[in-house]
Amino acid sequence: MRVVERDTFFSREHRFWLGTDDVSELNYVSIPVTIGVADYIEYHMLDGVEYARYLADPSLAVPFVEECRACMHDDLLIQKPGWNRGIPI
């Protein structure tokens, strides 16, 4: 699935975005990752309640974002990574 993102919030300090995919209308939190020669973004699905809560108070998203960086929510990835998965940056 291709993500056509519409970011609604960005945390420079914690390096994550909140937004909605314009095609599927899925809400997400996204984080930057790298494979060394290229950087890309991983998108993790959020339900409507989580999205609204994190948008109202982005500091509440930080623990979830850190868990995403630790690959604890891979079941929520909108696009599954290939064999050469990046590491968070």
N, C-alpha and C. Protein backbone atom coordinates (compact mmCIF):
# COMPACT_ATOMS: atom_id res chain seq x y z
N MET A 1 0.84 -1.18 0.00
CA MET A 1 0.00 0.00 0.00
C MET A 1 0.88 1.24 0.00
N ARG A 2 0.58 2.17 -0.83
CA ARG A 2 1.31 3.44 -0.88
C ARG A 2 0.64 4.42 0.07
N VAL A 3 1.43 5.09 0.87
CA VAL A 3 0.91 6.06 1.83
C VAL A 3 1.02 7.46 1.22
N VAL A 4 -0.10 8.15 1.16
CA VAL A 4 -0.12 9.55 0.73
C VAL A 4 -0.46 10.35 1.99
N GLU A 5 0.59 10.79 2.65
CA GLU A 5 0.43 11.34 3.98
C GLU A 5 -0.05 12.79 3.99
N ARG A 6 -0.77 13.08 5.05
CA ARG A 6 -1.18 14.44 5.35
C ARG A 6 -0.83 14.63 6.84
N ASP A 7 0.37 15.14 7.08
CA ASP A 7 0.83 15.33 8.45
C ASP A 7 0.07 16.47 9.11
N THR A 8 -0.34 16.22 10.35
CA THR A 8 -1.06 17.25 11.11
C THR A 8 -0.25 17.76 12.30
N PHE A 9 0.80 17.01 12.66
CA PHE A 9 1.65 17.42 13.78
C PHE A 9 3.04 16.85 13.57
N PHE A 10 4.06 17.61 13.94
CA PHE A 10 5.44 17.15 13.91
C PHE A 10 6.13 17.53 15.20
N SER A 11 6.82 16.59 15.82
CA SER A 11 7.62 16.87 17.01
C SER A 11 9.09 16.85 16.60
N ARG A 12 9.69 18.00 16.57
CA ARG A 12 11.11 18.10 16.26
C ARG A 12 11.94 17.44 17.36
N GLU A 13 11.53 17.66 18.60
CA GLU A 13 12.27 17.12 19.75
C GLU A 13 12.27 15.59 19.75
N HIS A 14 11.11 14.98 19.50
CA HIS A 14 10.99 13.53 19.58
C HIS A 14 10.97 12.83 18.22
N ARG A 15 11.06 13.61 17.15
CA ARG A 15 11.18 13.10 15.78
C ARG A 15 10.07 12.12 15.41
N PHE A 16 8.84 12.62 15.43
CA PHE A 16 7.72 11.82 14.94
C PHE A 16 6.66 12.74 14.37
N TRP A 17 5.80 12.17 13.54
CA TRP A 17 4.68 12.87 12.94
C TRP A 17 3.38 12.17 13.31
N LEU A 18 2.31 12.93 13.36
CA LEU A 18 0.95 12.40 13.42
C LEU A 18 0.27 12.84 12.14
N GLY A 19 -0.56 11.98 11.58
CA GLY A 19 -1.24 12.37 10.36
C GLY A 19 -2.27 11.36 9.92
N THR A 20 -2.78 11.58 8.71
CA THR A 20 -3.79 10.72 8.11
C THR A 20 -3.39 10.44 6.68
N ASP A 21 -3.52 9.18 6.27
CA ASP A 21 -3.25 8.80 4.89
C ASP A 21 -4.43 9.23 4.03
N ASP A 22 -4.16 10.03 3.00
CA ASP A 22 -5.23 10.55 2.15
C ASP A 22 -5.94 9.48 1.33
N VAL A 23 -5.29 8.37 1.06
CA VAL A 23 -5.91 7.32 0.25
C VAL A 23 -6.78 6.40 1.11
N SER A 24 -6.20 5.82 2.14
CA SER A 24 -6.93 4.86 2.98
C SER A 24 -7.68 5.52 4.13
N GLU A 25 -7.33 6.77 4.44
CA GLU A 25 -7.87 7.52 5.57
C GLU A 25 -7.48 6.91 6.92
N LEU A 26 -6.41 6.12 6.92
CA LEU A 26 -5.88 5.58 8.18
C LEU A 26 -5.12 6.68 8.91
N ASN A 27 -5.27 6.74 10.22
CA ASN A 27 -4.47 7.64 11.04
C ASN A 27 -3.16 6.94 11.36
N TYR A 28 -2.10 7.72 11.54
CA TYR A 28 -0.79 7.12 11.79
C TYR A 28 0.07 7.99 12.69
N VAL A 29 1.08 7.33 13.25
CA VAL A 29 2.26 7.98 13.81
C VAL A 29 3.40 7.48 12.94
N SER A 30 4.30 8.37 12.54
CA SER A 30 5.40 7.94 11.69
C SER A 30 6.73 8.37 12.29
N ILE A 31 7.75 7.56 11.99
CA ILE A 31 9.09 7.81 12.51
C ILE A 31 10.11 7.65 11.38
N PRO A 32 11.19 8.43 11.42
CA PRO A 32 12.23 8.28 10.40
C PRO A 32 13.13 7.10 10.74
N VAL A 33 13.53 6.37 9.69
CA VAL A 33 14.47 5.26 9.83
C VAL A 33 15.50 5.36 8.70
N THR A 34 16.59 4.63 8.84
CA THR A 34 17.63 4.65 7.81
C THR A 34 18.14 3.23 7.54
N ILE A 35 18.55 3.00 6.31
CA ILE A 35 19.25 1.76 5.97
C ILE A 35 20.70 2.07 5.62
N GLY A 36 21.14 3.26 6.00
CA GLY A 36 22.52 3.67 5.75
C GLY A 36 22.66 4.49 4.49
N VAL A 37 22.24 3.95 3.36
CA VAL A 37 22.36 4.67 2.09
C VAL A 37 21.11 5.47 1.76
N ALA A 38 20.02 5.23 2.51
CA ALA A 38 18.77 5.95 2.27
C ALA A 38 17.97 6.01 3.56
N ASP A 39 17.24 7.09 3.71
CA ASP A 39 16.33 7.25 4.83
C ASP A 39 14.90 7.10 4.32
N TYR A 40 14.02 6.62 5.19
CA TYR A 40 12.61 6.54 4.84
C TYR A 40 11.77 6.66 6.11
N ILE A 41 10.47 6.61 5.95
CA ILE A 41 9.54 6.79 7.06
C ILE A 41 8.75 5.50 7.26
N GLU A 42 8.60 5.08 8.52
CA GLU A 42 7.71 3.97 8.84
C GLU A 42 6.43 4.56 9.44
N TYR A 43 5.30 4.02 8.99
CA TYR A 43 3.98 4.49 9.41
C TYR A 43 3.29 3.41 10.23
N HIS A 44 2.88 3.76 11.45
CA HIS A 44 2.16 2.85 12.33
C HIS A 44 0.72 3.34 12.48
N MET A 45 -0.24 2.43 12.26
CA MET A 45 -1.66 2.79 12.35
C MET A 45 -2.06 3.17 13.77
N LEU A 46 -2.95 4.15 13.84
CA LEU A 46 -3.58 4.54 15.09
C LEU A 46 -5.09 4.48 14.89
N ASP A 47 -5.82 4.05 15.92
CA ASP A 47 -7.27 4.14 15.80
C ASP A 47 -7.69 5.59 16.06
N GLY A 48 -8.93 5.90 15.82
CA GLY A 48 -9.42 7.28 15.94
C GLY A 48 -9.27 7.87 17.32
N VAL A 49 -9.46 7.04 18.34
CA VAL A 49 -9.35 7.51 19.73
C VAL A 49 -7.90 7.86 20.05
N GLU A 50 -6.97 6.96 19.68
CA GLU A 50 -5.55 7.22 19.93
C GLU A 50 -5.10 8.48 19.20
N TYR A 51 -5.48 8.58 17.93
CA TYR A 51 -5.08 9.72 17.11
C TYR A 51 -5.56 11.03 17.75
N ALA A 52 -6.82 11.08 18.15
CA ALA A 52 -7.38 12.29 18.76
C ALA A 52 -6.66 12.62 20.08
N ARG A 53 -6.39 11.58 20.88
CA ARG A 53 -5.72 11.80 22.17
C ARG A 53 -4.30 12.32 21.95
N TYR A 54 -3.55 11.71 21.02
CA TYR A 54 -2.18 12.14 20.76
C TYR A 54 -2.13 13.52 20.12
N LEU A 55 -3.11 13.84 19.28
CA LEU A 55 -3.15 15.15 18.66
C LEU A 55 -3.47 16.23 19.69
N ALA A 56 -4.35 15.92 20.64
CA ALA A 56 -4.70 16.87 21.70
C ALA A 56 -3.54 17.10 22.66
N ASP A 57 -2.74 16.05 22.91
CA ASP A 57 -1.58 16.16 23.81
C ASP A 57 -0.47 15.27 23.27
N PRO A 58 0.34 15.79 22.34
CA PRO A 58 1.38 14.97 21.69
C PRO A 58 2.37 14.32 22.66
N SER A 59 2.54 14.87 23.85
CA SER A 59 3.46 14.24 24.80
C SER A 59 2.99 12.84 25.18
N LEU A 60 1.69 12.57 25.08
CA LEU A 60 1.17 11.24 25.38
C LEU A 60 1.61 10.21 24.34
N ALA A 61 1.98 10.67 23.16
CA ALA A 61 2.41 9.76 22.09
C ALA A 61 3.85 9.29 22.26
N VAL A 62 4.64 9.99 23.02
CA VAL A 62 6.08 9.69 23.10
C VAL A 62 6.36 8.26 23.54
N PRO A 63 5.72 7.72 24.58
CA PRO A 63 6.00 6.32 24.93
C PRO A 63 5.65 5.35 23.79
N PHE A 64 4.54 5.59 23.11
CA PHE A 64 4.16 4.75 21.98
C PHE A 64 5.19 4.86 20.86
N VAL A 65 5.66 6.06 20.58
CA VAL A 65 6.67 6.27 19.54
C VAL A 65 7.95 5.50 19.89
N GLU A 66 8.36 5.55 21.13
CA GLU A 66 9.57 4.83 21.55
C GLU A 66 9.37 3.32 21.41
N GLU A 67 8.17 2.83 21.68
CA GLU A 67 7.88 1.41 21.48
C GLU A 67 7.93 1.06 19.99
N CYS A 68 7.46 1.96 19.13
CA CYS A 68 7.55 1.74 17.68
C CYS A 68 9.00 1.66 17.25
N ARG A 69 9.84 2.51 17.79
CA ARG A 69 11.27 2.48 17.47
C ARG A 69 11.91 1.17 17.90
N ALA A 70 11.37 0.56 18.96
CA ALA A 70 11.88 -0.71 19.47
C ALA A 70 11.21 -1.91 18.77
N CYS A 71 10.46 -1.64 17.70
CA CYS A 71 9.78 -2.68 16.90
C CYS A 71 8.73 -3.44 17.69
N MET A 72 8.16 -2.82 18.71
CA MET A 72 7.16 -3.48 19.54
C MET A 72 5.75 -3.40 18.94
N HIS A 73 5.57 -2.60 17.89
CA HIS A 73 4.24 -2.45 17.29
C HIS A 73 4.30 -2.72 15.78
N ASP A 74 5.11 -3.67 15.39
CA ASP A 74 5.24 -3.98 13.97
C ASP A 74 3.93 -4.47 13.37
N ASP A 75 3.04 -5.00 14.19
CA ASP A 75 1.74 -5.43 13.70
C ASP A 75 0.90 -4.25 13.22
N LEU A 76 1.28 -3.03 13.59
CA LEU A 76 0.55 -1.83 13.20
C LEU A 76 1.17 -1.10 12.02
N LEU A 77 2.25 -1.65 11.46
CA LEU A 77 2.89 -1.00 10.31
C LEU A 77 1.93 -0.99 9.11
N ILE A 78 1.77 0.16 8.49
CA ILE A 78 0.91 0.27 7.31
C ILE A 78 1.61 -0.40 6.13
N GLN A 79 2.90 -0.18 5.97
CA GLN A 79 3.70 -0.85 4.95
C GLN A 79 4.73 -1.70 5.66
N LYS A 80 4.71 -3.00 5.40
CA LYS A 80 5.69 -3.90 6.02
C LYS A 80 7.05 -3.68 5.39
N PRO A 81 8.11 -3.64 6.20
CA PRO A 81 9.46 -3.44 5.66
C PRO A 81 9.94 -4.66 4.89
N GLY A 82 10.89 -4.42 4.02
CA GLY A 82 11.52 -5.51 3.26
C GLY A 82 12.58 -6.19 4.09
N TRP A 83 13.40 -6.99 3.44
CA TRP A 83 14.43 -7.75 4.13
C TRP A 83 15.50 -6.85 4.74
N ASN A 84 15.70 -5.66 4.18
CA ASN A 84 16.74 -4.74 4.64
C ASN A 84 16.10 -3.61 5.45
N ARG A 85 15.50 -3.97 6.57
CA ARG A 85 14.77 -3.00 7.37
C ARG A 85 15.72 -1.99 7.98
N GLY A 86 15.28 -0.74 8.00
CA GLY A 86 16.07 0.33 8.55
C GLY A 86 16.04 0.35 10.07
N ILE A 87 16.89 1.21 10.62
CA ILE A 87 16.91 1.43 12.06
C ILE A 87 16.49 2.87 12.31
N PRO A 88 15.83 3.13 13.46
CA PRO A 88 15.37 4.49 13.76
C PRO A 88 16.53 5.49 13.81
N ILE A 89 16.23 6.69 13.34
CA ILE A 89 17.22 7.77 13.43
C ILE A 89 16.66 8.93 14.22
